[in-house]
PDB file of all heavy atoms in Angstrom:
ATOM      1  N   GLY A   1      -8.480   6.233   6.431  1.00  0.00           N
ATOM      2  CA  GLY A   1      -9.769   6.204   5.786  1.00  0.00           C
ATOM      3  C   GLY A   1      -9.903   5.309   4.523  1.00  0.00           C
ATOM      4  O   GLY A   1     -10.821   5.439   3.894  1.00  0.00           O
ATOM      5  N   ARG A   2      -8.816   4.564   4.281  1.00  0.00           N
ATOM      6  CA  ARG A   2      -8.863   3.715   3.088  1.00  0.00           C
ATOM      7  C   ARG A   2      -8.275   2.311   3.354  1.00  0.00           C
ATOM      8  O   ARG A   2      -7.156   2.319   4.037  1.00  0.00           O
ATOM      9  CB  ARG A   2      -8.083   4.430   1.898  1.00  0.00           C
ATOM     10  CG  ARG A   2      -8.311   3.679   0.677  1.00  0.00           C
ATOM     11  CD  ARG A   2      -7.748   4.468  -0.576  1.00  0.00           C
ATOM     12  NE  ARG A   2      -6.280   4.537  -0.280  1.00  0.00           N
ATOM     13  CZ  ARG A   2      -5.504   5.484  -0.857  1.00  0.00           C
ATOM     14  NH1 ARG A   2      -6.010   6.393  -1.579  1.00  0.00           N
ATOM     15  NH2 ARG A   2      -4.274   5.506  -0.583  1.00  0.00           N
ATOM     16  N   ALA A   3      -8.823   1.217   3.046  1.00  0.00           N
ATOM     17  CA  ALA A   3      -8.420  -0.125   3.361  1.00  0.00           C
ATOM     18  C   ALA A   3      -6.977  -0.330   3.033  1.00  0.00           C
ATOM     19  O   ALA A   3      -6.552   0.072   1.841  1.00  0.00           O
ATOM     20  CB  ALA A   3      -9.356  -1.169   2.711  1.00  0.00           C
ATOM     21  N   PHE A   4      -6.291  -0.993   3.865  1.00  0.00           N
ATOM     22  CA  PHE A   4      -4.883  -1.419   3.699  1.00  0.00           C
ATOM     23  C   PHE A   4      -3.913  -0.218   3.352  1.00  0.00           C
ATOM     24  O   PHE A   4      -3.009  -0.476   2.615  1.00  0.00           O
ATOM     25  CB  PHE A   4      -4.778  -2.481   2.653  1.00  0.00           C
ATOM     26  CG  PHE A   4      -5.557  -3.654   2.999  1.00  0.00           C
ATOM     27  CD1 PHE A   4      -6.790  -3.984   2.381  1.00  0.00           C
ATOM     28  CD2 PHE A   4      -5.040  -4.586   4.037  1.00  0.00           C
ATOM     29  CE1 PHE A   4      -7.434  -5.127   2.768  1.00  0.00           C
ATOM     30  CE2 PHE A   4      -5.777  -5.606   4.411  1.00  0.00           C
ATOM     31  CZ  PHE A   4      -7.013  -5.992   3.770  1.00  0.00           C
ATOM     32  N   THR A   5      -4.198   1.007   3.865  1.00  0.00           N
ATOM     33  CA  THR A   5      -3.259   2.006   3.693  1.00  0.00           C
ATOM     34  C   THR A   5      -2.732   2.395   5.040  1.00  0.00           C
ATOM     35  O   THR A   5      -3.261   2.363   6.081  1.00  0.00           O
ATOM     36  CB  THR A   5      -3.885   3.244   3.023  1.00  0.00           C
ATOM     37  OG1 THR A   5      -4.980   3.655   3.744  1.00  0.00           O
ATOM     38  CG2 THR A   5      -4.278   2.955   1.596  1.00  0.00           C
ATOM     39  N   GLY A   6      -1.495   2.902   5.082  1.00  0.00           N
ATOM     40  CA  GLY A   6      -0.840   3.347   6.171  1.00  0.00           C
ATOM     41  C   GLY A   6      -0.266   2.294   7.172  1.00  0.00           C
ATOM     42  O   GLY A   6       0.001   2.578   8.279  1.00  0.00           O
ATOM     43  N   ASP A   7      -0.161   1.028   6.744  1.00  0.00           N
ATOM     44  CA  ASP A   7       0.328   0.003   7.592  1.00  0.00           C
ATOM     45  C   ASP A   7       1.224  -1.071   6.686  1.00  0.00           C
ATOM     46  O   ASP A   7       1.195  -0.971   5.512  1.00  0.00           O
ATOM     47  CB  ASP A   7      -0.667  -0.714   8.398  1.00  0.00           C
ATOM     48  CG  ASP A   7      -1.748  -1.471   7.512  1.00  0.00           C
ATOM     49  OD1 ASP A   7      -1.528  -1.743   6.333  1.00  0.00           O
ATOM     50  OD2 ASP A   7      -2.830  -1.707   8.008  1.00  0.00           O
ATOM     51  N   ARG A   8       1.910  -1.848   7.373  1.00  0.00           N
ATOM     52  CA  ARG A   8       2.739  -2.841   6.716  1.00  0.00           C
ATOM     53  C   ARG A   8       2.027  -3.794   5.738  1.00  0.00           C
ATOM     54  O   ARG A   8       2.483  -4.136   4.738  1.00  0.00           O
ATOM     55  CB  ARG A   8       3.578  -3.594   7.642  1.00  0.00           C
ATOM     56  CG  ARG A   8       4.631  -2.750   8.365  1.00  0.00           C
ATOM     57  CD  ARG A   8       5.595  -3.639   9.040  1.00  0.00           C
ATOM     58  NE  ARG A   8       6.745  -2.758   9.604  1.00  0.00           N
ATOM     59  CZ  ARG A   8       7.102  -2.831  10.892  1.00  0.00           C
ATOM     60  NH1 ARG A   8       6.743  -3.828  11.620  1.00  0.00           N
ATOM     61  NH2 ARG A   8       8.042  -1.995  11.341  1.00  0.00           N
ATOM     62  N   SER A   9       0.806  -4.202   6.233  1.00  0.00           N
ATOM     63  CA  SER A   9       0.091  -5.048   5.293  1.00  0.00           C
ATOM     64  C   SER A   9      -0.260  -4.372   4.048  1.00  0.00           C
ATOM     65  O   SER A   9      -0.298  -4.923   2.909  1.00  0.00           O
ATOM     66  CB  SER A   9      -1.155  -5.591   6.025  1.00  0.00           C
ATOM     67  OG  SER A   9      -2.136  -4.538   6.310  1.00  0.00           O
ATOM     68  N   GLY A  10      -0.596  -3.132   4.142  1.00  0.00           N
ATOM     69  CA  GLY A  10      -0.846  -2.297   2.892  1.00  0.00           C
ATOM     70  C   GLY A  10       0.216  -2.153   2.019  1.00  0.00           C
ATOM     71  O   GLY A  10       0.272  -2.211   0.836  1.00  0.00           O
ATOM     72  N   ASP A  11       1.431  -1.862   2.684  1.00  0.00           N
ATOM     73  CA  ASP A  11       2.739  -1.677   1.872  1.00  0.00           C
ATOM     74  C   ASP A  11       2.954  -3.013   1.099  1.00  0.00           C
ATOM     75  O   ASP A  11       3.286  -2.909  -0.124  1.00  0.00           O
ATOM     76  CB  ASP A  11       3.884  -1.458   2.882  1.00  0.00           C
ATOM     77  CG  ASP A  11       3.764  -0.042   3.538  1.00  0.00           C
ATOM     78  OD1 ASP A  11       3.018   0.798   3.167  1.00  0.00           O
ATOM     79  OD2 ASP A  11       4.546   0.040   4.528  1.00  0.00           O
ATOM     80  N   PHE A  12       2.763  -4.125   1.652  1.00  0.00           N
ATOM     81  CA  PHE A  12       3.017  -5.387   1.001  1.00  0.00           C
ATOM     82  C   PHE A  12       1.879  -5.621  -0.147  1.00  0.00           C
ATOM     83  O   PHE A  12       2.213  -5.984  -1.140  1.00  0.00           O
ATOM     84  CB  PHE A  12       2.877  -6.559   1.989  1.00  0.00           C
ATOM     85  CG  PHE A  12       3.041  -7.934   1.417  1.00  0.00           C
ATOM     86  CD1 PHE A  12       4.297  -8.373   0.909  1.00  0.00           C
ATOM     87  CD2 PHE A  12       1.915  -8.647   1.063  1.00  0.00           C
ATOM     88  CE1 PHE A  12       4.328  -9.636   0.228  1.00  0.00           C
ATOM     89  CE2 PHE A  12       1.912  -9.863   0.423  1.00  0.00           C
ATOM     90  CZ  PHE A  12       3.226 -10.319   0.039  1.00  0.00           C
ATOM     91  N   LEU A  13       0.675  -5.361   0.223  1.00  0.00           N
ATOM     92  CA  LEU A  13      -0.418  -5.489  -0.700  1.00  0.00           C
ATOM     93  C   LEU A  13      -0.228  -4.669  -1.903  1.00  0.00           C
ATOM     94  O   LEU A  13      -0.267  -5.175  -3.023  1.00  0.00           O
ATOM     95  CB  LEU A  13      -1.731  -5.203  -0.038  1.00  0.00           C
ATOM     96  CG  LEU A  13      -2.933  -5.280  -1.036  1.00  0.00           C
ATOM     97  CD1 LEU A  13      -3.042  -6.719  -1.498  1.00  0.00           C
ATOM     98  CD2 LEU A  13      -4.116  -4.804  -0.259  1.00  0.00           C
ATOM     99  N   TYR A  14       0.066  -3.301  -1.794  1.00  0.00           N
ATOM    100  CA  TYR A  14       0.161  -2.440  -2.898  1.00  0.00           C
ATOM    101  C   TYR A  14       1.442  -2.718  -3.801  1.00  0.00           C
ATOM    102  O   TYR A  14       1.422  -2.639  -4.957  1.00  0.00           O
ATOM    103  CB  TYR A  14       0.066  -0.930  -2.422  1.00  0.00           C
ATOM    104  CG  TYR A  14      -1.270  -0.594  -1.961  1.00  0.00           C
ATOM    105  CD1 TYR A  14      -1.609  -0.390  -0.565  1.00  0.00           C
ATOM    106  CD2 TYR A  14      -2.356  -0.659  -2.843  1.00  0.00           C
ATOM    107  CE1 TYR A  14      -2.886  -0.160  -0.123  1.00  0.00           C
ATOM    108  CE2 TYR A  14      -3.672  -0.528  -2.339  1.00  0.00           C
ATOM    109  CZ  TYR A  14      -3.926  -0.207  -1.019  1.00  0.00           C
ATOM    110  OH  TYR A  14      -5.061   0.009  -0.519  1.00  0.00           O
ATOM    111  N   ALA A  15       2.497  -3.170  -3.127  1.00  0.00           N
ATOM    112  CA  ALA A  15       3.713  -3.475  -3.774  1.00  0.00           C
ATOM    113  C   ALA A  15       3.408  -4.779  -4.606  1.00  0.00           C
ATOM    114  O   ALA A  15       3.782  -4.831  -5.769  1.00  0.00           O
ATOM    115  CB  ALA A  15       4.889  -3.862  -2.832  1.00  0.00           C
ATOM    116  N   SER A  16       2.607  -5.674  -4.148  1.00  0.00           N
ATOM    117  CA  SER A  16       2.284  -6.901  -4.919  1.00  0.00           C
ATOM    118  C   SER A  16       1.383  -6.631  -6.041  1.00  0.00           C
ATOM    119  O   SER A  16       1.279  -7.323  -7.017  1.00  0.00           O
ATOM    120  CB  SER A  16       1.624  -8.014  -4.036  1.00  0.00           C
ATOM    121  OG  SER A  16       0.380  -7.706  -3.531  1.00  0.00           O
ATOM    122  N   LEU A  17       0.676  -5.511  -5.891  1.00  0.00           N
ATOM    123  CA  LEU A  17      -0.268  -5.073  -7.108  1.00  0.00           C
ATOM    124  C   LEU A  17       0.568  -4.269  -8.115  1.00  0.00           C
ATOM    125  O   LEU A  17       0.067  -3.709  -9.151  1.00  0.00           O
ATOM    126  CB  LEU A  17      -1.371  -4.214  -6.508  1.00  0.00           C
ATOM    127  CG  LEU A  17      -2.486  -4.899  -5.872  1.00  0.00           C
ATOM    128  CD1 LEU A  17      -3.406  -3.937  -5.211  1.00  0.00           C
ATOM    129  CD2 LEU A  17      -3.194  -5.926  -6.706  1.00  0.00           C
ATOM    130  N   GLN A  18       1.909  -4.181  -7.758  1.00  0.00           N
ATOM    131  CA  GLN A  18       2.862  -3.439  -8.753  1.00  0.00           C
ATOM    132  C   GLN A  18       2.539  -1.987  -8.805  1.00  0.00           C
ATOM    133  O   GLN A  18       2.590  -1.454  -9.927  1.00  0.00           O
ATOM    134  CB  GLN A  18       2.895  -4.208 -10.177  1.00  0.00           C
ATOM    135  CG  GLN A  18       3.369  -5.568  -9.956  1.00  0.00           C
ATOM    136  CD  GLN A  18       3.591  -6.306 -11.281  1.00  0.00           C
ATOM    137  OE1 GLN A  18       3.533  -5.637 -12.362  1.00  0.00           O
ATOM    138  NE2 GLN A  18       3.771  -7.473 -11.217  1.00  0.00           N
ATOM    139  N   LEU A  19       2.195  -1.366  -7.790  1.00  0.00           N
ATOM    140  CA  LEU A  19       2.049   0.124  -7.791  1.00  0.00           C
ATOM    141  C   LEU A  19       3.309   0.696  -7.425  1.00  0.00           C
ATOM    142  O   LEU A  19       4.008   0.349  -6.471  1.00  0.00           O
ATOM    143  CB  LEU A  19       0.988   0.525  -6.790  1.00  0.00           C
ATOM    144  CG  LEU A  19      -0.396  -0.026  -7.033  1.00  0.00           C
ATOM    145  CD1 LEU A  19      -1.298   0.300  -5.980  1.00  0.00           C
ATOM    146  CD2 LEU A  19      -0.996   0.477  -8.423  1.00  0.00           C
ATOM    147  N   TYR A  20       3.791   1.730  -8.216  1.00  0.00           N
ATOM    148  CA  TYR A  20       5.081   2.395  -7.907  1.00  0.00           C
ATOM    149  C   TYR A  20       4.828   3.763  -7.446  1.00  0.00           C
ATOM    150  O   TYR A  20       3.836   4.416  -7.684  1.00  0.00           O
ATOM    151  CB  TYR A  20       5.900   2.292  -9.247  1.00  0.00           C
ATOM    152  CG  TYR A  20       6.116   0.990  -9.694  1.00  0.00           C
ATOM    153  CD1 TYR A  20       5.291   0.293 -10.617  1.00  0.00           C
ATOM    154  CD2 TYR A  20       7.093   0.119  -9.073  1.00  0.00           C
ATOM    155  CE1 TYR A  20       5.519  -1.112 -11.089  1.00  0.00           C
ATOM    156  CE2 TYR A  20       7.301  -1.172  -9.512  1.00  0.00           C
ATOM    157  CZ  TYR A  20       6.476  -1.734 -10.497  1.00  0.00           C
ATOM    158  OH  TYR A  20       6.724  -2.987 -10.772  1.00  0.00           O
ATOM    159  N   GLY A  21       5.820   4.313  -6.903  1.00  0.00           N
ATOM    160  CA  GLY A  21       5.895   5.672  -6.503  1.00  0.00           C
ATOM    161  C   GLY A  21       5.681   5.759  -4.970  1.00  0.00           C
ATOM    162  O   GLY A  21       6.149   4.884  -4.252  1.00  0.00           O
ATOM    163  N   GLU A  22       4.964   6.741  -4.447  1.00  0.00           N
ATOM    164  CA  GLU A  22       4.756   6.917  -3.080  1.00  0.00           C
ATOM    165  C   GLU A  22       3.970   5.819  -2.489  1.00  0.00           C
ATOM    166  O   GLU A  22       3.017   5.259  -3.118  1.00  0.00           O
ATOM    167  CB  GLU A  22       4.165   8.339  -2.796  1.00  0.00           C
ATOM    168  CG  GLU A  22       4.981   9.413  -3.211  1.00  0.00           C
ATOM    169  CD  GLU A  22       6.271   9.529  -2.458  1.00  0.00           C
ATOM    170  OE1 GLU A  22       6.302   9.367  -1.189  1.00  0.00           O
ATOM    171  OE2 GLU A  22       7.387   9.688  -3.040  1.00  0.00           O
ATOM    172  N   PRO A  23       4.134   5.409  -1.247  1.00  0.00           N
ATOM    173  CA  PRO A  23       3.290   4.492  -0.573  1.00  0.00           C
ATOM    174  C   PRO A  23       1.785   4.963  -0.378  1.00  0.00           C
ATOM    175  O   PRO A  23       1.571   6.145  -0.399  1.00  0.00           O
ATOM    176  CB  PRO A  23       3.991   4.182   0.780  1.00  0.00           C
ATOM    177  CG  PRO A  23       5.142   5.075   0.853  1.00  0.00           C
ATOM    178  CD  PRO A  23       5.178   5.975  -0.439  1.00  0.00           C
ATOM    179  N   ALA A  24       0.945   4.006  -0.373  1.00  0.00           N
ATOM    180  CA  ALA A  24      -0.471   4.305  -0.111  1.00  0.00           C
ATOM    181  C   ALA A  24      -0.641   4.697   1.302  1.00  0.00           C
ATOM    182  O   ALA A  24      -0.586   3.906   2.186  1.00  0.00           O
ATOM    183  CB  ALA A  24      -1.307   3.215  -0.513  1.00  0.00           C
ATOM    184  N   GLU A  25      -0.953   5.989   1.504  1.00  0.00           N
ATOM    185  CA  GLU A  25      -0.968   6.431   2.954  1.00  0.00           C
ATOM    186  C   GLU A  25      -2.109   7.307   3.338  1.00  0.00           C
ATOM    187  O   GLU A  25      -2.267   7.578   4.528  1.00  0.00           O
ATOM    188  CB  GLU A  25       0.390   7.401   3.195  1.00  0.00           C
ATOM    189  CG  GLU A  25       1.649   6.531   3.118  1.00  0.00           C
ATOM    190  CD  GLU A  25       2.932   7.385   3.257  1.00  0.00           C
ATOM    191  OE1 GLU A  25       2.781   8.681   3.226  1.00  0.00           O
ATOM    192  OE2 GLU A  25       3.910   6.822   3.620  1.00  0.00           O
TER     193      GLU A  25
END
């Protein structure tokens, strides 16, 4: 229900935004 969460592209995107902790899922 949220853009770029729960898939590999989201993992890459959120890591590049320097978000730490649990993945966006």
